[in-house]
Amino acid sequence: MTKIIIGTTPTITYKFKVVDVADITVAILTIKERGVNIIELNLSDATVGEDSLSWTLTQEETLQIGVKTCTMMLNWKTEDGTRGASEEVFIQGAPNHIREVI
């Protein structure tokens, strides 16, 4: 389980070994709580690396996670129509003494 301290701006990175990142046309990163999306980020929000996609969450987004357990997953599609998805992982929102945007 990955911990994210709420109110901070962590970067979430997915590395690809088989898929050529340059071929990805759609990417959707979701963080869910009890089956409901609380954060949804797209390819246009990502930093595209040679073998990775990264998203930096805002303070507001990590405050939405709160001090609870959520799930996170990445879905993507390549230019030839192939669709893939990461494993669903659990993330734990960790407390912060300052629970507001600074």
PDB file of N, CA and C in Angstrom:
ATOM      1  N   MET A   1       0.856  -1.178   0.000  1.00  0.00           N
ATOM      2  CA  MET A   1       0.000   0.000   0.000  1.00  0.00           C
ATOM      3  C   MET A   1       0.896   1.233   0.000  1.00  0.00           C
ATOM      4  N   THR A   2       0.562   2.175  -0.842  1.00  0.00           N
ATOM      5  CA  THR A   2       1.294   3.433  -0.933  1.00  0.00           C
ATOM      6  C   THR A   2       0.604   4.472  -0.066  1.00  0.00           C
ATOM      7  N   LYS A   3       1.398   5.257   0.645  1.00  0.00           N
ATOM      8  CA  LYS A   3       0.830   6.341   1.451  1.00  0.00           C
ATOM      9  C   LYS A   3       1.043   7.677   0.754  1.00  0.00           C
ATOM     10  N   ILE A   4       0.008   8.507   0.803  1.00  0.00           N
ATOM     11  CA  ILE A   4       0.083   9.875   0.296  1.00  0.00           C
ATOM     12  C   ILE A   4      -0.321  10.797   1.441  1.00  0.00           C
ATOM     13  N   ILE A   5       0.562  11.691   1.811  1.00  0.00           N
ATOM     14  CA  ILE A   5       0.231  12.660   2.869  1.00  0.00           C
ATOM     15  C   ILE A   5      -0.697  13.705   2.258  1.00  0.00           C
ATOM     16  N   ILE A   6      -1.862  13.854   2.845  1.00  0.00           N
ATOM     17  CA  ILE A   6      -2.847  14.787   2.295  1.00  0.00           C
ATOM     18  C   ILE A   6      -2.319  16.214   2.369  1.00  0.00           C
ATOM     19  N   GLY A   7      -2.738  17.039   1.405  1.00  0.00           N
ATOM     20  CA  GLY A   7      -2.313  18.432   1.357  1.00  0.00           C
ATOM     21  C   GLY A   7      -0.960  18.636   0.691  1.00  0.00           C
ATOM     22  N   THR A   8      -0.333  17.551   0.213  1.00  0.00           N
ATOM     23  CA  THR A   8       0.963  17.671  -0.454  1.00  0.00           C
ATOM     24  C   THR A   8       0.793  17.514  -1.957  1.00  0.00           C
ATOM     25  N   THR A   9       1.885  17.570  -2.703  1.00  0.00           N
ATOM     26  CA  THR A   9       1.831  17.489  -4.161  1.00  0.00           C
ATOM     27  C   THR A   9       2.729  16.353  -4.682  1.00  0.00           C
ATOM     28  N   PRO A  10       2.354  15.104  -4.406  1.00  0.00           N
ATOM     29  CA  PRO A  10       3.178  13.973  -4.856  1.00  0.00           C
ATOM     30  C   PRO A  10       3.057  13.739  -6.361  1.00  0.00           C
ATOM     31  N   THR A  11       4.079  13.113  -6.925  1.00  0.00           N
ATOM     32  CA  THR A  11       4.056  12.716  -8.331  1.00  0.00           C
ATOM     33  C   THR A  11       3.855  11.207  -8.414  1.00  0.00           C
ATOM     34  N   ILE A  12       2.882  10.805  -9.224  1.00  0.00           N
ATOM     35  CA  ILE A  12       2.584   9.391  -9.454  1.00  0.00           C
ATOM     36  C   ILE A  12       3.124   9.043 -10.835  1.00  0.00           C
ATOM     37  N   THR A  13       3.987   8.028 -10.890  1.00  0.00           N
ATOM     38  CA  THR A  13       4.633   7.647 -12.150  1.00  0.00           C
ATOM     39  C   THR A  13       4.346   6.190 -12.469  1.00  0.00           C
ATOM     40  N   TYR A  14       3.957   5.957 -13.709  1.00  0.00           N
ATOM     41  CA  TYR A  14       3.794   4.601 -14.231  1.00  0.00           C
ATOM     42  C   TYR A  14       4.859   4.389 -15.299  1.00  0.00           C
ATOM     43  N   LYS A  15       5.676   3.351 -15.131  1.00  0.00           N
ATOM     44  CA  LYS A  15       6.715   3.006 -16.106  1.00  0.00           C
ATOM     45  C   LYS A  15       6.224   1.860 -16.980  1.00  0.00           C
ATOM     46  N   PHE A  16       6.546   1.940 -18.260  1.00  0.00           N
ATOM     47  CA  PHE A  16       6.130   0.937 -19.234  1.00  0.00           C
ATOM     48  C   PHE A  16       7.349   0.182 -19.739  1.00  0.00           C
ATOM     49  N   LYS A  17       7.248  -1.153 -19.763  1.00  0.00           N
ATOM     50  CA  LYS A  17       8.332  -2.001 -20.262  1.00  0.00           C
ATOM     51  C   LYS A  17       8.029  -2.539 -21.652  1.00  0.00           C
ATOM     52  N   VAL A  18       6.773  -2.812 -21.953  1.00  0.00           N
ATOM     53  CA  VAL A  18       6.390  -3.415 -23.221  1.00  0.00           C
ATOM     54  C   VAL A  18       5.766  -2.377 -24.157  1.00  0.00           C
ATOM     55  N   VAL A  19       4.941  -1.503 -23.630  1.00  0.00           N
ATOM     56  CA  VAL A  19       4.238  -0.503 -24.430  1.00  0.00           C
ATOM     57  C   VAL A  19       5.166   0.679 -24.699  1.00  0.00           C
ATOM     58  N   ASP A  20       5.178   1.144 -25.959  1.00  0.00           N
ATOM     59  CA  ASP A  20       5.927   2.347 -26.312  1.00  0.00           C
ATOM     60  C   ASP A  20       5.065   3.551 -25.931  1.00  0.00           C
ATOM     61  N   VAL A  21       5.539   4.340 -24.989  1.00  0.00           N
ATOM     62  CA  VAL A  21       4.763   5.481 -24.479  1.00  0.00           C
ATOM     63  C   VAL A  21       4.374   6.429 -25.615  1.00  0.00           C
ATOM     64  N   ALA A  22       5.215   6.548 -26.637  1.00  0.00           N
ATOM     65  CA  ALA A  22       4.918   7.434 -27.771  1.00  0.00           C
ATOM     66  C   ALA A  22       3.669   6.985 -28.526  1.00  0.00           C
ATOM     67  N   ASP A  23       3.274   5.710 -28.388  1.00  0.00           N
ATOM     68  CA  ASP A  23       2.087   5.184 -29.067  1.00  0.00           C
ATOM     69  C   ASP A  23       0.799   5.375 -28.263  1.00  0.00           C
ATOM     70  N   ILE A  24       0.901   5.845 -27.026  1.00  0.00           N
ATOM     71  CA  ILE A  24      -0.295   6.011 -26.192  1.00  0.00           C
ATOM     72  C   ILE A  24      -1.046   7.267 -26.624  1.00  0.00           C
ATOM     73  N   THR A  25      -2.342   7.093 -26.917  1.00  0.00           N
ATOM     74  CA  THR A  25      -3.181   8.218 -27.346  1.00  0.00           C
ATOM     75  C   THR A  25      -4.188   8.626 -26.281  1.00  0.00           C
ATOM     76  N   VAL A  26      -4.505   7.703 -25.382  1.00  0.00           N
ATOM     77  CA  VAL A  26      -5.442   7.976 -24.289  1.00  0.00           C
ATOM     78  C   VAL A  26      -4.859   7.366 -23.022  1.00  0.00           C
ATOM     79  N   ALA A  27      -4.865   8.137 -21.945  1.00  0.00           N
ATOM     80  CA  ALA A  27      -4.466   7.610 -20.641  1.00  0.00           C
ATOM     81  C   ALA A  27      -5.355   8.271 -19.598  1.00  0.00           C
ATOM     82  N   ILE A  28      -5.914   7.457 -18.713  1.00  0.00           N
ATOM     83  CA  ILE A  28      -6.806   7.969 -17.671  1.00  0.00           C
ATOM     84  C   ILE A  28      -6.378   7.363 -16.336  1.00  0.00           C
ATOM     85  N   LEU A  29      -5.911   8.221 -15.442  1.00  0.00           N
ATOM     86  CA  LEU A  29      -5.546   7.815 -14.085  1.00  0.00           C
ATOM     87  C   LEU A  29      -6.734   8.111 -13.185  1.00  0.00           C
ATOM     88  N   THR A  30      -7.204   7.100 -12.461  1.00  0.00           N
ATOM     89  CA  THR A  30      -8.339   7.300 -11.561  1.00  0.00           C
ATOM     90  C   THR A  30      -7.961   6.912 -10.138  1.00  0.00           C
ATOM     91  N   ILE A  31      -8.490   7.686  -9.202  1.00  0.00           N
ATOM     92  CA  ILE A  31      -8.423   7.345  -7.784  1.00  0.00           C
ATOM     93  C   ILE A  31      -9.863   7.291  -7.314  1.00  0.00           C
ATOM     94  N   LYS A  32     -10.231   6.122  -6.734  1.00  0.00           N
ATOM     95  CA  LYS A  32     -11.620   5.893  -6.347  1.00  0.00           C
ATOM     96  C   LYS A  32     -11.732   5.630  -4.855  1.00  0.00           C
ATOM     97  N   GLU A  33     -12.871   6.038  -4.345  1.00  0.00           N
ATOM     98  CA  GLU A  33     -13.253   5.703  -2.971  1.00  0.00           C
ATOM     99  C   GLU A  33     -14.617   5.039  -3.049  1.00  0.00           C
ATOM    100  N   ARG A  34     -14.703   3.808  -2.589  1.00  0.00           N
ATOM    101  CA  ARG A  34     -15.953   3.036  -2.609  1.00  0.00           C
ATOM    102  C   ARG A  34     -16.608   3.034  -3.983  1.00  0.00           C
ATOM    103  N   GLY A  35     -15.793   2.855  -5.027  1.00  0.00           N
ATOM    104  CA  GLY A  35     -16.315   2.744  -6.380  1.00  0.00           C
ATOM    105  C   GLY A  35     -16.633   4.046  -7.081  1.00  0.00           C
ATOM    106  N   VAL A  36     -16.395   5.181  -6.442  1.00  0.00           N
ATOM    107  CA  VAL A  36     -16.694   6.492  -7.035  1.00  0.00           C
ATOM    108  C   VAL A  36     -15.376   7.225  -7.301  1.00  0.00           C
ATOM    109  N   ASN A  37     -15.213   7.726  -8.538  1.00  0.00           N
ATOM    110  CA  ASN A  37     -14.007   8.489  -8.855  1.00  0.00           C
ATOM    111  C   ASN A  37     -13.975   9.774  -8.032  1.00  0.00           C
ATOM    112  N   ILE A  38     -12.883   9.966  -7.297  1.00  0.00           N
ATOM    113  CA  ILE A  38     -12.704  11.251  -6.616  1.00  0.00           C
ATOM    114  C   ILE A  38     -11.650  12.089  -7.332  1.00  0.00           C
ATOM    115  N   ILE A  39     -10.785  11.417  -8.113  1.00  0.00           N
ATOM    116  CA  ILE A  39      -9.798  12.113  -8.945  1.00  0.00           C
ATOM    117  C   ILE A  39      -9.726  11.368 -10.268  1.00  0.00           C
ATOM    118  N   GLU A  40      -9.758  12.118 -11.378  1.00  0.00           N
ATOM    119  CA  GLU A  40      -9.586  11.543 -12.705  1.00  0.00           C
ATOM    120  C   GLU A  40      -8.705  12.487 -13.505  1.00  0.00           C
ATOM    121  N   LEU A  41      -7.562  11.968 -13.942  1.00  0.00           N
ATOM    122  CA  LEU A  41      -6.601  12.769 -14.700  1.00  0.00           C
ATOM    123  C   LEU A  41      -6.350  12.103 -16.044  1.00  0.00           C
ATOM    124  N   ASN A  42      -6.157  12.918 -17.081  1.00  0.00           N
ATOM    125  CA  ASN A  42      -6.001  12.425 -18.442  1.00  0.00           C
ATOM    126  C   ASN A  42      -4.576  12.581 -18.947  1.00  0.00           C
ATOM    127  N   LEU A  43      -4.334  12.078 -20.151  1.00  0.00           N
ATOM    128  CA  LEU A  43      -3.022  12.163 -20.773  1.00  0.00           C
ATOM    129  C   LEU A  43      -2.570  13.614 -20.889  1.00  0.00           C
ATOM    130  N   SER A  44      -3.498  14.519 -21.163  1.00  0.00           N
ATOM    131  CA  SER A  44      -3.138  15.940 -21.300  1.00  0.00           C
ATOM    132  C   SER A  44      -2.632  16.536 -19.991  1.00  0.00           C
ATOM    133  N   ASP A  45      -2.936  15.886 -18.859  1.00  0.00           N
ATOM    134  CA  ASP A  45      -2.472  16.343 -17.542  1.00  0.00           C
ATOM    135  C   ASP A  45      -1.117  15.737 -17.181  1.00  0.00           C
ATOM    136  N   ALA A  46      -0.653  14.779 -17.984  1.00  0.00           N
ATOM    137  CA  ALA A  46       0.540  14.004 -17.642  1.00  0.00           C
ATOM    138  C   ALA A  46       1.818  14.630 -18.183  1.00  0.00           C
ATOM    139  N   THR A  47       2.913  14.266 -17.540  1.00  0.00           N
ATOM    140  CA  THR A  47       4.243  14.509 -18.081  1.00  0.00           C
ATOM    141  C   THR A  47       4.650  13.212 -18.757  1.00  0.00           C
ATOM    142  N   VAL A  48       4.985  13.297 -20.044  1.00  0.00           N
ATOM    143  CA  VAL A  48       5.307  12.114 -20.827  1.00  0.00           C
ATOM    144  C   VAL A  48       6.821  11.965 -20.884  1.00  0.00           C
ATOM    145  N   GLY A  49       7.305  10.840 -20.383  1.00  0.00           N
ATOM    146  CA  GLY A  49       8.726  10.523 -20.443  1.00  0.00           C
ATOM    147  C   GLY A  49       8.995   9.498 -21.523  1.00  0.00           C
ATOM    148  N   GLU A  50      10.245   9.101 -21.664  1.00  0.00           N
ATOM    149  CA  GLU A  50      10.622   8.117 -22.676  1.00  0.00           C
ATOM    150  C   GLU A  50       9.938   6.776 -22.441  1.00  0.00           C
ATOM    151  N   ASP A  51       9.828   6.385 -21.154  1.00  0.00           N
ATOM    152  CA  ASP A  51       9.200   5.104 -20.825  1.00  0.00           C
ATOM    153  C   ASP A  51       8.188   5.230 -19.695  1.00  0.00           C
ATOM    154  N   SER A  52       7.664   6.446 -19.495  1.00  0.00           N
ATOM    155  CA  SER A  52       6.774   6.646 -18.344  1.00  0.00           C
ATOM    156  C   SER A  52       5.756   7.752 -18.586  1.00  0.00           C
ATOM    157  N   LEU A  53       4.694   7.692 -17.792  1.00  0.00           N
ATOM    158  CA  LEU A  53       3.711   8.771 -17.677  1.00  0.00           C
ATOM    159  C   LEU A  53       3.668   9.154 -16.209  1.00  0.00           C
ATOM    160  N   SER A  54       3.649  10.463 -15.932  1.00  0.00           N
ATOM    161  CA  SER A  54       3.625  10.945 -14.548  1.00  0.00           C
ATOM    162  C   SER A  54       2.579  12.028 -14.390  1.00  0.00           C
ATOM    163  N   TRP A  55       1.940  12.012 -13.235  1.00  0.00           N
ATOM    164  CA  TRP A  55       0.989  13.046 -12.862  1.00  0.00           C
ATOM    165  C   TRP A  55       1.380  13.593 -11.496  1.00  0.00           C
ATOM    166  N   THR A  56       1.374  14.904 -11.348  1.00  0.00           N
ATOM    167  CA  THR A  56       1.614  15.523 -10.046  1.00  0.00           C
ATOM    168  C   THR A  56       0.260  15.965  -9.502  1.00  0.00           C
ATOM    169  N   LEU A  57      -0.117  15.403  -8.378  1.00  0.00           N
ATOM    170  CA  LEU A  57      -1.385  15.769  -7.751  1.00  0.00           C
ATOM    171  C   LEU A  57      -1.266  17.140  -7.106  1.00  0.00           C
ATOM    172  N   THR A  58      -2.363  17.871  -7.080  1.00  0.00           N
ATOM    173  CA  THR A  58      -2.390  19.168  -6.417  1.00  0.00           C
ATOM    174  C   THR A  58      -2.698  18.985  -4.928  1.00  0.00           C
ATOM    175  N   GLN A  59      -2.477  20.039  -4.169  1.00  0.00           N
ATOM    176  CA  GLN A  59      -2.841  19.996  -2.751  1.00  0.00           C
ATOM    177  C   GLN A  59      -4.328  19.692  -2.594  1.00  0.00           C
ATOM    178  N   GLU A  60      -5.152  20.330  -3.422  1.00  0.00           N
ATOM    179  CA  GLU A  60      -6.599  20.119  -3.348  1.00  0.00           C
ATOM    180  C   GLU A  60      -6.958  18.659  -3.610  1.00  0.00           C
ATOM    181  N   GLU A  61      -6.293  18.050  -4.599  1.00  0.00           N
ATOM    182  CA  GLU A  61      -6.594  16.655  -4.936  1.00  0.00           C
ATOM    183  C   GLU A  61      -6.234  15.714  -3.795  1.00  0.00           C
ATOM    184  N   THR A  62      -5.075  15.920  -3.165  1.00  0.00           N
ATOM    185  CA  THR A  62      -4.713  15.018  -2.067  1.00  0.00           C
ATOM    186  C   THR A  62      -5.588  15.263  -0.842  1.00  0.00           C
ATOM    187  N   LEU A  63      -6.071  16.473  -0.679  1.00  0.00           N
ATOM    188  CA  LEU A  63      -7.023  16.723   0.412  1.00  0.00           C
ATOM    189  C   LEU A  63      -8.340  15.989   0.146  1.00  0.00           C
ATOM    190  N   GLN A  64      -8.709  15.815  -1.136  1.00  0.00           N
ATOM    191  CA  GLN A  64      -9.911  15.052  -1.489  1.00  0.00           C
ATOM    192  C   GLN A  64      -9.760  13.580  -1.104  1.00  0.00           C
ATOM    193  N   ILE A  65      -8.537  13.068  -1.189  1.00  0.00           N
ATOM    194  CA  ILE A  65      -8.310  11.675  -0.795  1.00  0.00           C
ATOM    195  C   ILE A  65      -8.646  11.503   0.681  1.00  0.00           C
ATOM    196  N   GLY A  66      -8.244  12.462   1.497  1.00  0.00           N
ATOM    197  CA  GLY A  66      -8.544  12.383   2.926  1.00  0.00           C
ATOM    198  C   GLY A  66      -7.738  11.285   3.602  1.00  0.00           C
ATOM    199  N   VAL A  67      -8.016  11.089   4.873  1.00  0.00           N
ATOM    200  CA  VAL A  67      -7.309  10.068   5.656  1.00  0.00           C
ATOM    201  C   VAL A  67      -8.139   8.790   5.606  1.00  0.00           C
ATOM    202  N   LYS A  68      -7.985   8.081   4.497  1.00  0.00           N
ATOM    203  CA  LYS A  68      -8.724   6.833   4.283  1.00  0.00           C
ATOM    204  C   LYS A  68      -8.029   6.047   3.188  1.00  0.00           C
ATOM    205  N   THR A  69      -8.512   4.859   2.919  1.00  0.00           N
ATOM    206  CA  THR A  69      -7.956   4.012   1.878  1.00  0.00           C
ATOM    207  C   THR A  69      -8.777   4.166   0.603  1.00  0.00           C
ATOM    208  N   CYS A  70      -8.073   4.356  -0.511  1.00  0.00           N
ATOM    209  CA  CYS A  70      -8.685   4.460  -1.834  1.00  0.00           C
ATOM    210  C   CYS A  70      -7.968   3.495  -2.765  1.00  0.00           C
ATOM    211  N   THR A  71      -8.461   3.381  -3.981  1.00  0.00           N
ATOM    212  CA  THR A  71      -7.778   2.574  -4.984  1.00  0.00           C
ATOM    213  C   THR A  71      -7.369   3.464  -6.147  1.00  0.00           C
ATOM    214  N   MET A  72      -6.309   3.045  -6.833  1.00  0.00           N
ATOM    215  CA  MET A  72      -5.796   3.815  -7.964  1.00  0.00           C
ATOM    216  C   MET A  72      -5.523   2.859  -9.112  1.00  0.00           C
ATOM    217  N   MET A  73      -5.778   3.337 -10.341  1.00  0.00           N
ATOM    218  CA  MET A  73      -5.588   2.499 -11.526  1.00  0.00           C
ATOM    219  C   MET A  73      -5.358   3.396 -12.734  1.00  0.00           C
ATOM    220  N   LEU A  74      -4.569   2.894 -13.685  1.00  0.00           N
ATOM    221  CA  LEU A  74      -4.340   3.601 -14.941  1.00  0.00           C
ATOM    222  C   LEU A  74      -4.867   2.755 -16.089  1.00  0.00           C
ATOM    223  N   ASN A  75      -5.675   3.367 -16.945  1.00  0.00           N
ATOM    224  CA  ASN A  75      -6.128   2.742 -18.190  1.00  0.00           C
ATOM    225  C   ASN A  75      -5.506   3.528 -19.341  1.00  0.00           C
ATOM    226  N   TRP A  76      -5.124   2.824 -20.407  1.00  0.00           N
ATOM    227  CA  TRP A  76      -4.558   3.508 -21.560  1.00  0.00           C
ATOM    228  C   TRP A  76      -4.962   2.799 -22.840  1.00  0.00           C
ATOM    229  N   LYS A  77      -4.822   3.537 -23.956  1.00  0.00           N
ATOM    230  CA  LYS A  77      -5.092   2.986 -25.277  1.00  0.00           C
ATOM    231  C   LYS A  77      -4.000   3.488 -26.210  1.00  0.00           C
ATOM    232  N   THR A  78      -3.527   2.608 -27.099  1.00  0.00           N
ATOM    233  CA  THR A  78      -2.505   2.996 -28.056  1.00  0.00           C
ATOM    234  C   THR A  78      -3.141   3.357 -29.390  1.00  0.00           C
ATOM    235  N   GLU A  79      -2.338   3.933 -30.269  1.00  0.00           N
ATOM    236  CA  GLU A  79      -2.867   4.411 -31.547  1.00  0.00           C
ATOM    237  C   GLU A  79      -3.444   3.299 -32.415  1.00  0.00           C
ATOM    238  N   ASP A  80      -3.039   2.036 -32.192  1.00  0.00           N
ATOM    239  CA  ASP A  80      -3.609   0.933 -32.968  1.00  0.00           C
ATOM    240  C   ASP A  80      -4.877   0.358 -32.325  1.00  0.00           C
ATOM    241  N   GLY A  81      -5.358   1.001 -31.229  1.00  0.00           N
ATOM    242  CA  GLY A  81      -6.600   0.582 -30.584  1.00  0.00           C
ATOM    243  C   GLY A  81      -6.417  -0.400 -29.444  1.00  0.00           C
ATOM    244  N   THR A  82      -5.181  -0.804 -29.166  1.00  0.00           N
ATOM    245  CA  THR A  82      -4.927  -1.719 -28.059  1.00  0.00           C
ATOM    246  C   THR A  82      -5.170  -1.003 -26.738  1.00  0.00           C
ATOM    247  N   ARG A  83      -5.934  -1.635 -25.856  1.00  0.00           N
ATOM    248  CA  ARG A  83      -6.219  -1.047 -24.552  1.00  0.00           C
ATOM    249  C   ARG A  83      -5.536  -1.869 -23.467  1.00  0.00           C
ATOM    250  N   GLY A  84      -4.986  -1.169 -22.491  1.00  0.00           N
ATOM    251  CA  GLY A  84      -4.353  -1.833 -21.363  1.00  0.00           C
ATOM    252  C   GLY A  84      -4.731  -1.143 -20.070  1.00  0.00           C
ATOM    253  N   ALA A  85      -4.417  -1.808 -18.978  1.00  0.00           N
ATOM    254  CA  ALA A  85      -4.705  -1.238 -17.657  1.00  0.00           C
ATOM    255  C   ALA A  85      -3.671  -1.749 -16.662  1.00  0.00           C
ATOM    256  N   SER A  86      -3.375  -0.912 -15.686  1.00  0.00           N
ATOM    257  CA  SER A  86      -2.487  -1.318 -14.605  1.00  0.00           C
ATOM    258  C   SER A  86      -3.271  -2.163 -13.611  1.00  0.00           C
ATOM    259  N   GLU A  87      -2.560  -2.750 -12.692  1.00  0.00           N
ATOM    260  CA  GLU A  87      -3.235  -3.392 -11.571  1.00  0.00           C
ATOM    261  C   GLU A  87      -3.853  -2.297 -10.701  1.00  0.00           C
ATOM    262  N   GLU A  88      -4.943  -2.627 -10.053  1.00  0.00           N
ATOM    263  CA  GLU A  88      -5.533  -1.706  -9.086  1.00  0.00           C
ATOM    264  C   GLU A  88      -4.682  -1.779  -7.818  1.00  0.00           C
ATOM    265  N   VAL A  89      -4.259  -0.612  -7.324  1.00  0.00           N
ATOM    266  CA  VAL A  89      -3.444  -0.579  -6.108  1.00  0.00           C
ATOM    267  C   VAL A  89      -4.172   0.230  -5.036  1.00  0.00           C
ATOM    268  N   PHE A  90      -3.902  -0.120  -3.799  1.00  0.00           N
ATOM    269  CA  PHE A  90      -4.475   0.606  -2.675  1.00  0.00           C
ATOM    270  C   PHE A  90      -3.545   1.740  -2.285  1.00  0.00           C
ATOM    271  N   ILE A  91      -4.136   2.899  -2.012  1.00  0.00           N
ATOM    272  CA  ILE A  91      -3.370   4.020  -1.487  1.00  0.00           C
ATOM    273  C   ILE A  91      -4.020   4.467  -0.187  1.00  0.00           C
ATOM    274  N   GLN A  92      -3.199   4.873   0.735  1.00  0.00           N
ATOM    275  CA  GLN A  92      -3.679   5.327   2.039  1.00  0.00           C
ATOM    276  C   GLN A  92      -3.391   6.815   2.169  1.00  0.00           C
ATOM    277  N   GLY A  93      -4.441   7.590   2.393  1.00  0.00           N
ATOM    278  CA  GLY A  93      -4.250   9.007   2.696  1.00  0.00           C
ATOM    279  C   GLY A  93      -3.742   9.128   4.121  1.00  0.00           C
ATOM    280  N   ALA A  94      -2.584   9.762   4.280  1.00  0.00           N
ATOM    281  CA  ALA A  94      -1.968   9.903   5.596  1.00  0.00           C
ATOM    282  C   ALA A  94      -2.230  11.302   6.140  1.00  0.00           C
ATOM    283  N   PRO A  95      -2.355  11.428   7.459  1.00  0.00           N
ATOM    284  CA  PRO A  95      -2.672  12.722   8.052  1.00  0.00           C
ATOM    285  C   PRO A  95      -1.580  13.774   7.829  1.00  0.00           C
ATOM    286  N   ASN A  96      -2.008  15.005   7.891  1.00  0.00           N
ATOM    287  CA  ASN A  96      -1.107  16.152   7.812  1.00  0.00           C
ATOM    288  C   ASN A  96      -1.550  17.126   8.905  1.00  0.00           C
ATOM    289  N   HIS A  97      -0.629  17.680   9.649  1.00  0.00           N
ATOM    290  CA  HIS A  97      -0.991  18.621  10.711  1.00  0.00           C
ATOM    291  C   HIS A  97      -1.687  19.863  10.159  1.00  0.00           C
ATOM    292  N   ILE A  98      -1.378  20.219   8.896  1.00  0.00           N
ATOM    293  CA  ILE A  98      -2.026  21.365   8.279  1.00  0.00           C
ATOM    294  C   ILE A  98      -2.907  20.825   7.156  1.00  0.00           C
ATOM    295  N   ARG A  99      -4.209  20.753   7.405  1.00  0.00           N
ATOM    296  CA  ARG A  99      -5.170  20.159   6.457  1.00  0.00           C
ATOM    297  C   ARG A  99      -5.821  21.233   5.610  1.00  0.00           C
ATOM    298  N   GLU A 100      -4.993  21.998   4.920  1.00  0.00           N
ATOM    299  CA  GLU A 100      -5.504  23.049   4.048  1.00  0.00           C
ATOM    300  C   GLU A 100      -4.448  23.363   3.004  1.00  0.00           C
ATOM    301  N   VAL A 101      -4.868  24.046   1.945  1.00  0.00           N
ATOM    302  CA  VAL A 101      -3.937  24.475   0.899  1.00  0.00           C
ATOM    303  C   VAL A 101      -3.107  25.631   1.449  1.00  0.00           C
ATOM    304  N   ILE A 102      -1.788  25.536   1.292  1.00  0.00           N
ATOM    305  CA  ILE A 102      -0.931  26.663   1.717  1.00  0.00           C
ATOM    306  C   ILE A 102      -0.143  27.186   0.540  1.00  0.00           C
TER     307      ILE A 102
END
